[in-house]
């Protein structure tokens, strides 16, 4: 299981944030935005901060919810792909 293979709690956080950034980036590209700055601008998200999120920076839950809303998704849909089993099990 994913959680058992992780060493420290900080390792888990780093892996989760990386997966979160990858998910955000893949959804942006699927929406047809090749440039993260244009996506952020269009949806009223600070461009520099959005770029950091795609690179795995930590974020507030309110920022994540704003991004999920920009993708016209709910939280369950957002977390349905791109995360290890350990992450999705936590959400259930």
C-alpha atoms as a PDB file:
ATOM      1  CA  UNK A   1       0.000   0.000   0.000  1.00  0.00           C
ATOM      2  CA  UNK A   2       1.190   3.501  -0.798  1.00  0.00           C
ATOM      3  CA  UNK A   3       1.097   4.910   2.732  1.00  0.00           C
ATOM      4  CA  UNK A   4       3.122   2.043   4.155  1.00  0.00           C
ATOM      5  CA  UNK A   5       5.943   2.527   1.675  1.00  0.00           C
ATOM      6  CA  UNK A   6       6.478   6.162   2.573  1.00  0.00           C
ATOM      7  CA  UNK A   7       9.174   7.061   5.064  1.00  0.00           C
ATOM      8  CA  UNK A   8       8.437  10.357   6.770  1.00  0.00           C
ATOM      9  CA  UNK A   9       5.192  12.307   6.729  1.00  0.00           C
ATOM     10  CA  UNK A  10       6.977  15.018   4.752  1.00  0.00           C
ATOM     11  CA  UNK A  11       7.685  12.435   2.011  1.00  0.00           C
ATOM     12  CA  UNK A  12       3.966  11.759   1.731  1.00  0.00           C
ATOM     13  CA  UNK A  13       3.204  15.478   1.541  1.00  0.00           C
ATOM     14  CA  UNK A  14       5.807  15.998  -1.183  1.00  0.00           C
ATOM     15  CA  UNK A  15       4.460  13.090  -3.240  1.00  0.00           C
ATOM     16  CA  UNK A  16       0.893  14.307  -2.824  1.00  0.00           C
ATOM     17  CA  UNK A  17       1.763  17.875  -3.858  1.00  0.00           C
ATOM     18  CA  UNK A  18       3.638  16.576  -6.907  1.00  0.00           C
ATOM     19  CA  UNK A  19       0.627  14.489  -7.926  1.00  0.00           C
ATOM     20  CA  UNK A  20      -1.652  17.459  -7.292  1.00  0.00           C
ATOM     21  CA  UNK A  21       0.471  19.685  -9.528  1.00  0.00           C
ATOM     22  CA  UNK A  22       0.591  17.052 -12.242  1.00  0.00           C
ATOM     23  CA  UNK A  23      -3.198  16.648 -12.111  1.00  0.00           C
ATOM     24  CA  UNK A  24      -3.747  20.404 -12.376  1.00  0.00           C
ATOM     25  CA  UNK A  25      -1.353  20.650 -15.306  1.00  0.00           C
ATOM     26  CA  UNK A  26      -2.926  17.723 -17.180  1.00  0.00           C
ATOM     27  CA  UNK A  27      -6.428  19.140 -16.737  1.00  0.00           C
ATOM     28  CA  UNK A  28      -5.304  22.558 -17.956  1.00  0.00           C
ATOM     29  CA  UNK A  29      -3.816  21.022 -21.083  1.00  0.00           C
ATOM     30  CA  UNK A  30      -6.945  18.910 -21.613  1.00  0.00           C
ATOM     31  CA  UNK A  31      -8.954  22.154 -21.556  1.00  0.00           C
ATOM     32  CA  UNK A  32      -6.833  23.348 -24.480  1.00  0.00           C
ATOM     33  CA  UNK A  33      -4.549  25.759 -22.642  1.00  0.00           C
ATOM     34  CA  UNK A  34      -0.936  25.151 -23.605  1.00  0.00           C
ATOM     35  CA  UNK A  35       0.120  28.105 -21.450  1.00  0.00           C
ATOM     36  CA  UNK A  36      -0.539  28.083 -17.703  1.00  0.00           C
ATOM     37  CA  UNK A  37      -0.453  31.883 -17.570  1.00  0.00           C
ATOM     38  CA  UNK A  38      -3.376  32.228 -19.976  1.00  0.00           C
ATOM     39  CA  UNK A  39      -5.435  29.695 -18.033  1.00  0.00           C
ATOM     40  CA  UNK A  40      -4.747  31.495 -14.754  1.00  0.00           C
ATOM     41  CA  UNK A  41      -5.532  34.905 -16.227  1.00  0.00           C
ATOM     42  CA  UNK A  42      -8.781  33.694 -17.804  1.00  0.00           C
ATOM     43  CA  UNK A  43      -9.970  32.240 -14.493  1.00  0.00           C
ATOM     44  CA  UNK A  44      -8.874  35.056 -12.196  1.00  0.00           C
ATOM     45  CA  UNK A  45      -6.062  33.133 -10.515  1.00  0.00           C
ATOM     46  CA  UNK A  46      -2.726  34.801  -9.766  1.00  0.00           C
ATOM     47  CA  UNK A  47      -0.521  33.630 -12.623  1.00  0.00           C
ATOM     48  CA  UNK A  48       2.752  33.231 -10.724  1.00  0.00           C
ATOM     49  CA  UNK A  49       1.045  31.384  -7.893  1.00  0.00           C
ATOM     50  CA  UNK A  50      -0.808  29.102 -10.291  1.00  0.00           C
ATOM     51  CA  UNK A  51       2.509  28.219 -11.921  1.00  0.00           C
ATOM     52  CA  UNK A  52       3.887  27.257  -8.516  1.00  0.00           C
ATOM     53  CA  UNK A  53       0.857  25.042  -7.886  1.00  0.00           C
ATOM     54  CA  UNK A  54       1.520  23.155 -11.112  1.00  0.00           C
ATOM     55  CA  UNK A  55       5.071  22.612  -9.873  1.00  0.00           C
ATOM     56  CA  UNK A  56       3.912  21.091  -6.592  1.00  0.00           C
ATOM     57  CA  UNK A  57       3.818  24.074  -4.240  1.00  0.00           C
ATOM     58  CA  UNK A  58       1.629  23.845  -1.172  1.00  0.00           C
ATOM     59  CA  UNK A  59      -1.697  25.648  -1.376  1.00  0.00           C
ATOM     60  CA  UNK A  60      -4.689  26.597   0.712  1.00  0.00           C
ATOM     61  CA  UNK A  61      -7.850  24.568   0.329  1.00  0.00           C
ATOM     62  CA  UNK A  62      -9.672  27.673  -0.924  1.00  0.00           C
ATOM     63  CA  UNK A  63      -7.134  27.980  -3.761  1.00  0.00           C
ATOM     64  CA  UNK A  64      -7.562  24.330  -4.672  1.00  0.00           C
ATOM     65  CA  UNK A  65     -11.340  24.694  -4.701  1.00  0.00           C
ATOM     66  CA  UNK A  66     -11.077  27.732  -6.987  1.00  0.00           C
ATOM     67  CA  UNK A  67      -8.908  25.746  -9.395  1.00  0.00           C
ATOM     68  CA  UNK A  68     -11.284  22.764  -9.316  1.00  0.00           C
ATOM     69  CA  UNK A  69     -14.168  25.125 -10.056  1.00  0.00           C
ATOM     70  CA  UNK A  70     -12.230  26.586 -13.001  1.00  0.00           C
ATOM     71  CA  UNK A  71     -12.133  23.067 -14.467  1.00  0.00           C
ATOM     72  CA  UNK A  72     -15.927  22.753 -14.052  1.00  0.00           C
ATOM     73  CA  UNK A  73     -15.456  19.770 -11.763  1.00  0.00           C
ATOM     74  CA  UNK A  74     -16.382  18.760  -8.259  1.00  0.00           C
ATOM     75  CA  UNK A  75     -13.843  17.536  -5.702  1.00  0.00           C
ATOM     76  CA  UNK A  76     -14.641  13.870  -6.287  1.00  0.00           C
ATOM     77  CA  UNK A  77     -14.126  14.208 -10.044  1.00  0.00           C
ATOM     78  CA  UNK A  78     -10.860  16.060  -9.536  1.00  0.00           C
ATOM     79  CA  UNK A  79      -9.394  13.365  -7.302  1.00  0.00           C
ATOM     80  CA  UNK A  80     -10.723  10.465  -9.391  1.00  0.00           C
ATOM     81  CA  UNK A  81      -7.532  10.270 -11.507  1.00  0.00           C
ATOM     82  CA  UNK A  82      -3.840  10.940 -11.146  1.00  0.00           C
ATOM     83  CA  UNK A  83      -3.359  10.030  -7.500  1.00  0.00           C
ATOM     84  CA  UNK A  84      -1.938   6.937  -5.842  1.00  0.00           C
ATOM     85  CA  UNK A  85      -4.340   4.584  -4.138  1.00  0.00           C
ATOM     86  CA  UNK A  86      -3.291   5.861  -0.716  1.00  0.00           C
ATOM     87  CA  UNK A  87      -4.445   9.357  -1.553  1.00  0.00           C
ATOM     88  CA  UNK A  88      -7.806   8.299  -2.936  1.00  0.00           C
ATOM     89  CA  UNK A  89      -8.421   6.007   0.036  1.00  0.00           C
ATOM     90  CA  UNK A  90      -7.992   8.941   2.401  1.00  0.00           C
ATOM     91  CA  UNK A  91     -10.736  10.796   0.544  1.00  0.00           C
ATOM     92  CA  UNK A  92     -13.253   7.962   0.915  1.00  0.00           C
END
